[in-house]
Amino acid sequence: MECFFQNSYFSNKKYGFIKGRSTVLQLLKITDDWTAQLDSRGQVDVVYTDFAKAFDTVLHQRLLLKIKTCNIL
């Protein structure tokens, strides 16, 4: 897993499936950000997306190569 961080495969905005960065923590952070923005009379725009089919477009051979490079397989 350390290989993924060393090679910047994970963004600092990535939550879930990473130790110490749960999806609950992400929800708390975004709620805090939105609240701060609204308290300062700012605007909050939200776009919801459905990633249900996201892995249908993954280049699986490239993903496997990256996994092998990190000695996971």
PDB file of N, CA and C in Angstrom:
ATOM      1  N   MET A   1       0.826  -1.195   0.000  1.00  0.00           N
ATOM      2  CA  MET A   1       0.000   0.000   0.000  1.00  0.00           C
ATOM      3  C   MET A   1       0.864   1.250   0.000  1.00  0.00           C
ATOM      4  N   GLU A   2       2.001   1.204   0.669  1.00  0.00           N
ATOM      5  CA  GLU A   2       2.887   2.370   0.737  1.00  0.00           C
ATOM      6  C   GLU A   2       3.316   2.819  -0.658  1.00  0.00           C
ATOM      7  N   CYS A   3       3.466   1.856  -1.556  1.00  0.00           N
ATOM      8  CA  CYS A   3       3.847   2.168  -2.933  1.00  0.00           C
ATOM      9  C   CYS A   3       2.849   3.124  -3.583  1.00  0.00           C
ATOM     10  N   PHE A   4       1.572   2.933  -3.284  1.00  0.00           N
ATOM     11  CA  PHE A   4       0.546   3.786  -3.870  1.00  0.00           C
ATOM     12  C   PHE A   4       0.684   5.233  -3.396  1.00  0.00           C
ATOM     13  N   PHE A   5       1.073   5.419  -2.150  1.00  0.00           N
ATOM     14  CA  PHE A   5       1.271   6.775  -1.626  1.00  0.00           C
ATOM     15  C   PHE A   5       2.557   7.386  -2.173  1.00  0.00           C
ATOM     16  N   GLN A   6       3.625   6.586  -2.237  1.00  0.00           N
ATOM     17  CA  GLN A   6       4.913   7.078  -2.732  1.00  0.00           C
ATOM     18  C   GLN A   6       4.823   7.521  -4.189  1.00  0.00           C
ATOM     19  N   ASN A   7       3.984   6.852  -4.961  1.00  0.00           N
ATOM     20  CA  ASN A   7       3.846   7.178  -6.382  1.00  0.00           C
ATOM     21  C   ASN A   7       2.667   8.095  -6.663  1.00  0.00           C
ATOM     22  N   SER A   8       2.077   8.641  -5.624  1.00  0.00           N
ATOM     23  CA  SER A   8       0.962   9.598  -5.734  1.00  0.00           C
ATOM     24  C   SER A   8      -0.225   9.046  -6.512  1.00  0.00           C
ATOM     25  N   TYR A   9      -0.513   7.749  -6.325  1.00  0.00           N
ATOM     26  CA  TYR A   9      -1.690   7.172  -6.954  1.00  0.00           C
ATOM     27  C   TYR A   9      -2.959   7.583  -6.230  1.00  0.00           C
ATOM     28  N   PHE A  10      -2.839   7.984  -4.956  1.00  0.00           N
ATOM     29  CA  PHE A  10      -3.978   8.432  -4.172  1.00  0.00           C
ATOM     30  C   PHE A  10      -3.883   9.927  -3.941  1.00  0.00           C
ATOM     31  N   SER A  11      -4.964  10.613  -4.202  1.00  0.00           N
ATOM     32  CA  SER A  11      -5.054  12.047  -3.931  1.00  0.00           C
ATOM     33  C   SER A  11      -5.276  12.264  -2.440  1.00  0.00           C
ATOM     34  N   ASN A  12      -4.934  13.445  -1.950  1.00  0.00           N
ATOM     35  CA  ASN A  12      -5.225  13.802  -0.557  1.00  0.00           C
ATOM     36  C   ASN A  12      -6.730  13.893  -0.324  1.00  0.00           C
ATOM     37  N   LYS A  13      -7.484  13.942  -1.396  1.00  0.00           N
ATOM     38  CA  LYS A  13      -8.941  14.026  -1.297  1.00  0.00           C
ATOM     39  C   LYS A  13      -9.592  12.651  -1.334  1.00  0.00           C
ATOM     40  N   LYS A  14      -8.792  11.594  -1.393  1.00  0.00           N
ATOM     41  CA  LYS A  14      -9.311  10.226  -1.449  1.00  0.00           C
ATOM     42  C   LYS A  14      -9.644   9.727  -0.058  1.00  0.00           C
ATOM     43  N   TYR A  15     -10.845   9.224   0.093  1.00  0.00           N
ATOM     44  CA  TYR A  15     -11.297   8.655   1.360  1.00  0.00           C
ATOM     45  C   TYR A  15     -11.873   7.278   1.093  1.00  0.00           C
ATOM     46  N   GLY A  16     -11.951   6.476   2.126  1.00  0.00           N
ATOM     47  CA  GLY A  16     -12.484   5.128   1.998  1.00  0.00           C
ATOM     48  C   GLY A  16     -11.392   4.166   1.584  1.00  0.00           C
ATOM     49  N   PHE A  17     -11.358   3.023   2.174  1.00  0.00           N
ATOM     50  CA  PHE A  17     -10.382   1.977   1.884  1.00  0.00           C
ATOM     51  C   PHE A  17      -8.952   2.376   2.218  1.00  0.00           C
ATOM     52  N   ILE A  18      -8.784   3.482   2.942  1.00  0.00           N
ATOM     53  CA  ILE A  18      -7.462   3.918   3.378  1.00  0.00           C
ATOM     54  C   ILE A  18      -7.520   4.093   4.892  1.00  0.00           C
ATOM     55  N   LYS A  19      -6.573   3.476   5.585  1.00  0.00           N
ATOM     56  CA  LYS A  19      -6.556   3.530   7.045  1.00  0.00           C
ATOM     57  C   LYS A  19      -6.548   4.986   7.529  1.00  0.00           C
ATOM     58  N   GLY A  20      -7.476   5.296   8.423  1.00  0.00           N
ATOM     59  CA  GLY A  20      -7.557   6.640   8.991  1.00  0.00           C
ATOM     60  C   GLY A  20      -8.300   7.648   8.126  1.00  0.00           C
ATOM     61  N   ARG A  21      -8.845   7.214   6.989  1.00  0.00           N
ATOM     62  CA  ARG A  21      -9.551   8.127   6.092  1.00  0.00           C
ATOM     63  C   ARG A  21     -10.851   7.484   5.627  1.00  0.00           C
ATOM     64  N   SER A  22     -11.751   7.316   6.566  1.00  0.00           N
ATOM     65  CA  SER A  22     -13.018   6.644   6.273  1.00  0.00           C
ATOM     66  C   SER A  22     -13.976   7.559   5.519  1.00  0.00           C
ATOM     67  N   THR A  23     -15.004   6.960   4.971  1.00  0.00           N
ATOM     68  CA  THR A  23     -16.018   7.752   4.283  1.00  0.00           C
ATOM     69  C   THR A  23     -16.803   8.603   5.277  1.00  0.00           C
ATOM     70  N   VAL A  24     -16.923   8.138   6.525  1.00  0.00           N
ATOM     71  CA  VAL A  24     -17.581   8.944   7.561  1.00  0.00           C
ATOM     72  C   VAL A  24     -16.770  10.213   7.817  1.00  0.00           C
ATOM     73  N   LEU A  25     -15.454  10.086   7.894  1.00  0.00           N
ATOM     74  CA  LEU A  25     -14.587  11.250   8.077  1.00  0.00           C
ATOM     75  C   LEU A  25     -14.733  12.222   6.907  1.00  0.00           C
ATOM     76  N   GLN A  26     -14.860  11.682   5.708  1.00  0.00           N
ATOM     77  CA  GLN A  26     -15.034  12.525   4.526  1.00  0.00           C
ATOM     78  C   GLN A  26     -16.344  13.302   4.615  1.00  0.00           C
ATOM     79  N   LEU A  27     -17.413  12.639   5.048  1.00  0.00           N
ATOM     80  CA  LEU A  27     -18.696  13.325   5.195  1.00  0.00           C
ATOM     81  C   LEU A  27     -18.637  14.417   6.253  1.00  0.00           C
ATOM     82  N   LEU A  28     -17.952  14.144   7.357  1.00  0.00           N
ATOM     83  CA  LEU A  28     -17.791  15.164   8.396  1.00  0.00           C
ATOM     84  C   LEU A  28     -17.000  16.356   7.881  1.00  0.00           C
ATOM     85  N   LYS A  29     -15.929  16.089   7.130  1.00  0.00           N
ATOM     86  CA  LYS A  29     -15.107  17.172   6.599  1.00  0.00           C
ATOM     87  C   LYS A  29     -15.888  18.039   5.617  1.00  0.00           C
ATOM     88  N   ILE A  30     -16.596  17.412   4.699  1.00  0.00           N
ATOM     89  CA  ILE A  30     -17.327  18.203   3.703  1.00  0.00           C
ATOM     90  C   ILE A  30     -18.464  18.989   4.352  1.00  0.00           C
ATOM     91  N   THR A  31     -19.110  18.403   5.364  1.00  0.00           N
ATOM     92  CA  THR A  31     -20.154  19.128   6.087  1.00  0.00           C
ATOM     93  C   THR A  31     -19.566  20.333   6.802  1.00  0.00           C
ATOM     94  N   ASP A  32     -18.393  20.166   7.389  1.00  0.00           N
ATOM     95  CA  ASP A  32     -17.709  21.279   8.048  1.00  0.00           C
ATOM     96  C   ASP A  32     -17.338  22.364   7.034  1.00  0.00           C
ATOM     97  N   ASP A  33     -16.829  21.957   5.878  1.00  0.00           N
ATOM     98  CA  ASP A  33     -16.468  22.921   4.823  1.00  0.00           C
ATOM     99  C   ASP A  33     -17.692  23.691   4.348  1.00  0.00           C
ATOM    100  N   TRP A  34     -18.784  22.985   4.115  1.00  0.00           N
ATOM    101  CA  TRP A  34     -20.015  23.640   3.649  1.00  0.00           C
ATOM    102  C   TRP A  34     -20.557  24.594   4.699  1.00  0.00           C
ATOM    103  N   THR A  35     -20.540  24.178   5.951  1.00  0.00           N
ATOM    104  CA  THR A  35     -21.042  25.025   7.038  1.00  0.00           C
ATOM    105  C   THR A  35     -20.225  26.304   7.144  1.00  0.00           C
ATOM    106  N   ALA A  36     -18.908  26.173   7.068  1.00  0.00           N
ATOM    107  CA  ALA A  36     -18.033  27.353   7.132  1.00  0.00           C
ATOM    108  C   ALA A  36     -18.327  28.297   5.969  1.00  0.00           C
ATOM    109  N   GLN A  37     -18.518  27.736   4.781  1.00  0.00           N
ATOM    110  CA  GLN A  37     -18.808  28.558   3.601  1.00  0.00           C
ATOM    111  C   GLN A  37     -20.139  29.290   3.767  1.00  0.00           C
ATOM    112  N   LEU A  38     -21.154  28.593   4.242  1.00  0.00           N
ATOM    113  CA  LEU A  38     -22.464  29.219   4.428  1.00  0.00           C
ATOM    114  C   LEU A  38     -22.441  30.251   5.553  1.00  0.00           C
ATOM    115  N   ASP A  39     -21.676  29.982   6.622  1.00  0.00           N
ATOM    116  CA  ASP A  39     -21.553  30.941   7.722  1.00  0.00           C
ATOM    117  C   ASP A  39     -20.917  32.252   7.260  1.00  0.00           C
ATOM    118  N   SER A  40     -20.050  32.168   6.262  1.00  0.00           N
ATOM    119  CA  SER A  40     -19.411  33.384   5.746  1.00  0.00           C
ATOM    120  C   SER A  40     -20.194  33.962   4.565  1.00  0.00           C
ATOM    121  N   ARG A  41     -21.469  33.561   4.477  1.00  0.00           N
ATOM    122  CA  ARG A  41     -22.385  34.033   3.446  1.00  0.00           C
ATOM    123  C   ARG A  41     -21.928  33.668   2.031  1.00  0.00           C
ATOM    124  N   GLY A  42     -21.189  32.573   1.947  1.00  0.00           N
ATOM    125  CA  GLY A  42     -20.745  32.084   0.647  1.00  0.00           C
ATOM    126  C   GLY A  42     -21.791  31.178   0.021  1.00  0.00           C
ATOM    127  N   GLN A  43     -21.457  30.660  -1.104  1.00  0.00           N
ATOM    128  CA  GLN A  43     -22.362  29.796  -1.852  1.00  0.00           C
ATOM    129  C   GLN A  43     -21.771  28.389  -1.899  1.00  0.00           C
ATOM    130  N   VAL A  44     -22.624  27.406  -1.836  1.00  0.00           N
ATOM    131  CA  VAL A  44     -22.196  26.012  -1.949  1.00  0.00           C
ATOM    132  C   VAL A  44     -22.951  25.383  -3.117  1.00  0.00           C
ATOM    133  N   ASP A  45     -22.219  24.919  -4.103  1.00  0.00           N
ATOM    134  CA  ASP A  45     -22.801  24.207  -5.237  1.00  0.00           C
ATOM    135  C   ASP A  45     -22.379  22.751  -5.125  1.00  0.00           C
ATOM    136  N   VAL A  46     -23.299  21.858  -5.351  1.00  0.00           N
ATOM    137  CA  VAL A  46     -23.026  20.431  -5.207  1.00  0.00           C
ATOM    138  C   VAL A  46     -23.451  19.711  -6.477  1.00  0.00           C
ATOM    139  N   VAL A  47     -22.589  18.825  -6.952  1.00  0.00           N
ATOM    140  CA  VAL A  47     -22.897  17.971  -8.094  1.00  0.00           C
ATOM    141  C   VAL A  47     -22.783  16.530  -7.615  1.00  0.00           C
ATOM    142  N   TYR A  48     -23.837  15.776  -7.762  1.00  0.00           N
ATOM    143  CA  TYR A  48     -23.828  14.365  -7.380  1.00  0.00           C
ATOM    144  C   TYR A  48     -23.586  13.524  -8.621  1.00  0.00           C
ATOM    145  N   THR A  49     -22.709  12.562  -8.501  1.00  0.00           N
ATOM    146  CA  THR A  49     -22.445  11.657  -9.617  1.00  0.00           C
ATOM    147  C   THR A  49     -22.590  10.213  -9.154  1.00  0.00           C
ATOM    148  N   ASP A  50     -22.923   9.367 -10.073  1.00  0.00           N
ATOM    149  CA  ASP A  50     -23.082   7.943  -9.786  1.00  0.00           C
ATOM    150  C   ASP A  50     -21.928   7.198 -10.456  1.00  0.00           C
ATOM    151  N   PHE A  51     -21.077   6.611  -9.640  1.00  0.00           N
ATOM    152  CA  PHE A  51     -19.923   5.897 -10.165  1.00  0.00           C
ATOM    153  C   PHE A  51     -20.163   4.386 -10.228  1.00  0.00           C
ATOM    154  N   ALA A  52     -21.408   3.989 -10.304  1.00  0.00           N
ATOM    155  CA  ALA A  52     -21.737   2.562 -10.296  1.00  0.00           C
ATOM    156  C   ALA A  52     -21.038   1.803 -11.423  1.00  0.00           C
ATOM    157  N   LYS A  53     -20.841   2.435 -12.546  1.00  0.00           N
ATOM    158  CA  LYS A  53     -20.212   1.779 -13.693  1.00  0.00           C
ATOM    159  C   LYS A  53     -18.765   2.229 -13.898  1.00  0.00           C
ATOM    160  N   ALA A  54     -18.173   2.848 -12.905  1.00  0.00           N
ATOM    161  CA  ALA A  54     -16.825   3.409 -13.053  1.00  0.00           C
ATOM    162  C   ALA A  54     -15.796   2.369 -13.449  1.00  0.00           C
ATOM    163  N   PHE A  55     -15.880   1.179 -12.894  1.00  0.00           N
ATOM    164  CA  PHE A  55     -14.872   0.176 -13.190  1.00  0.00           C
ATOM    165  C   PHE A  55     -15.080  -0.495 -14.544  1.00  0.00           C
ATOM    166  N   ASP A  56     -16.168  -0.184 -15.215  1.00  0.00           N
ATOM    167  CA  ASP A  56     -16.366  -0.696 -16.564  1.00  0.00           C
ATOM    168  C   ASP A  56     -15.407  -0.033 -17.547  1.00  0.00           C
ATOM    169  N   THR A  57     -14.887   1.146 -17.186  1.00  0.00           N
ATOM    170  CA  THR A  57     -13.998   1.879 -18.088  1.00  0.00           C
ATOM    171  C   THR A  57     -12.530   1.808 -17.682  1.00  0.00           C
ATOM    172  N   VAL A  58     -12.217   1.045 -16.643  1.00  0.00           N
ATOM    173  CA  VAL A  58     -10.831   0.916 -16.186  1.00  0.00           C
ATOM    174  C   VAL A  58     -10.032   0.095 -17.192  1.00  0.00           C
ATOM    175  N   LEU A  59      -8.831   0.546 -17.492  1.00  0.00           N
ATOM    176  CA  LEU A  59      -7.929  -0.225 -18.333  1.00  0.00           C
ATOM    177  C   LEU A  59      -7.296  -1.286 -17.447  1.00  0.00           C
ATOM    178  N   HIS A  60      -7.887  -2.475 -17.438  1.00  0.00           N
ATOM    179  CA  HIS A  60      -7.514  -3.505 -16.486  1.00  0.00           C
ATOM    180  C   HIS A  60      -6.056  -3.947 -16.618  1.00  0.00           C
ATOM    181  N   GLN A  61      -5.541  -4.022 -17.831  1.00  0.00           N
ATOM    182  CA  GLN A  61      -4.135  -4.421 -18.008  1.00  0.00           C
ATOM    183  C   GLN A  61      -3.197  -3.401 -17.375  1.00  0.00           C
ATOM    184  N   ARG A  62      -3.512  -2.120 -17.519  1.00  0.00           N
ATOM    185  CA  ARG A  62      -2.690  -1.070 -16.912  1.00  0.00           C
ATOM    186  C   ARG A  62      -2.770  -1.140 -15.388  1.00  0.00           C
ATOM    187  N   LEU A  63      -3.978  -1.388 -14.873  1.00  0.00           N
ATOM    188  CA  LEU A  63      -4.160  -1.530 -13.429  1.00  0.00           C
ATOM    189  C   LEU A  63      -3.350  -2.709 -12.895  1.00  0.00           C
ATOM    190  N   LEU A  64      -3.402  -3.838 -13.579  1.00  0.00           N
ATOM    191  CA  LEU A  64      -2.625  -5.007 -13.160  1.00  0.00           C
ATOM    192  C   LEU A  64      -1.129  -4.725 -13.189  1.00  0.00           C
ATOM    193  N   LEU A  65      -0.663  -3.994 -14.184  1.00  0.00           N
ATOM    194  CA  LEU A  65       0.755  -3.632 -14.267  1.00  0.00           C
ATOM    195  C   LEU A  65       1.166  -2.777 -13.070  1.00  0.00           C
ATOM    196  N   LYS A  66       0.342  -1.813 -12.701  1.00  0.00           N
ATOM    197  CA  LYS A  66       0.645  -0.967 -11.541  1.00  0.00           C
ATOM    198  C   LYS A  66       0.658  -1.776 -10.260  1.00  0.00           C
ATOM    199  N   ILE A  67      -0.260  -2.722 -10.153  1.00  0.00           N
ATOM    200  CA  ILE A  67      -0.313  -3.571  -8.954  1.00  0.00           C
ATOM    201  C   ILE A  67       0.934  -4.441  -8.878  1.00  0.00           C
ATOM    202  N   LYS A  68       1.342  -4.998  -9.995  1.00  0.00           N
ATOM    203  CA  LYS A  68       2.555  -5.821 -10.023  1.00  0.00           C
ATOM    204  C   LYS A  68       3.790  -4.988  -9.712  1.00  0.00           C
ATOM    205  N   THR A  69       3.834  -3.756 -10.213  1.00  0.00           N
ATOM    206  CA  THR A  69       4.958  -2.857  -9.954  1.00  0.00           C
ATOM    207  C   THR A  69       5.101  -2.596  -8.469  1.00  0.00           C
ATOM    208  N   CYS A  70       3.985  -2.573  -7.755  1.00  0.00           N
ATOM    209  CA  CYS A  70       4.008  -2.338  -6.307  1.00  0.00           C
ATOM    210  C   CYS A  70       4.161  -3.618  -5.514  1.00  0.00           C
ATOM    211  N   ASN A  71       4.478  -4.721  -6.203  1.00  0.00           N
ATOM    212  CA  ASN A  71       4.697  -6.028  -5.551  1.00  0.00           C
ATOM    213  C   ASN A  71       3.493  -6.494  -4.744  1.00  0.00           C
ATOM    214  N   ILE A  72       2.310  -6.197  -5.227  1.00  0.00           N
ATOM    215  CA  ILE A  72       1.100  -6.655  -4.547  1.00  0.00           C
ATOM    216  C   ILE A  72       0.700  -8.023  -5.085  1.00  0.00           C
ATOM    217  N   LEU A  73       0.957  -8.272  -6.356  1.00  0.00           N
ATOM    218  CA  LEU A  73       0.669  -9.589  -6.943  1.00  0.00           C
ATOM    219  C   LEU A  73       1.948 -10.362  -7.169  1.00  0.00           C
TER     220      LEU A  73
END
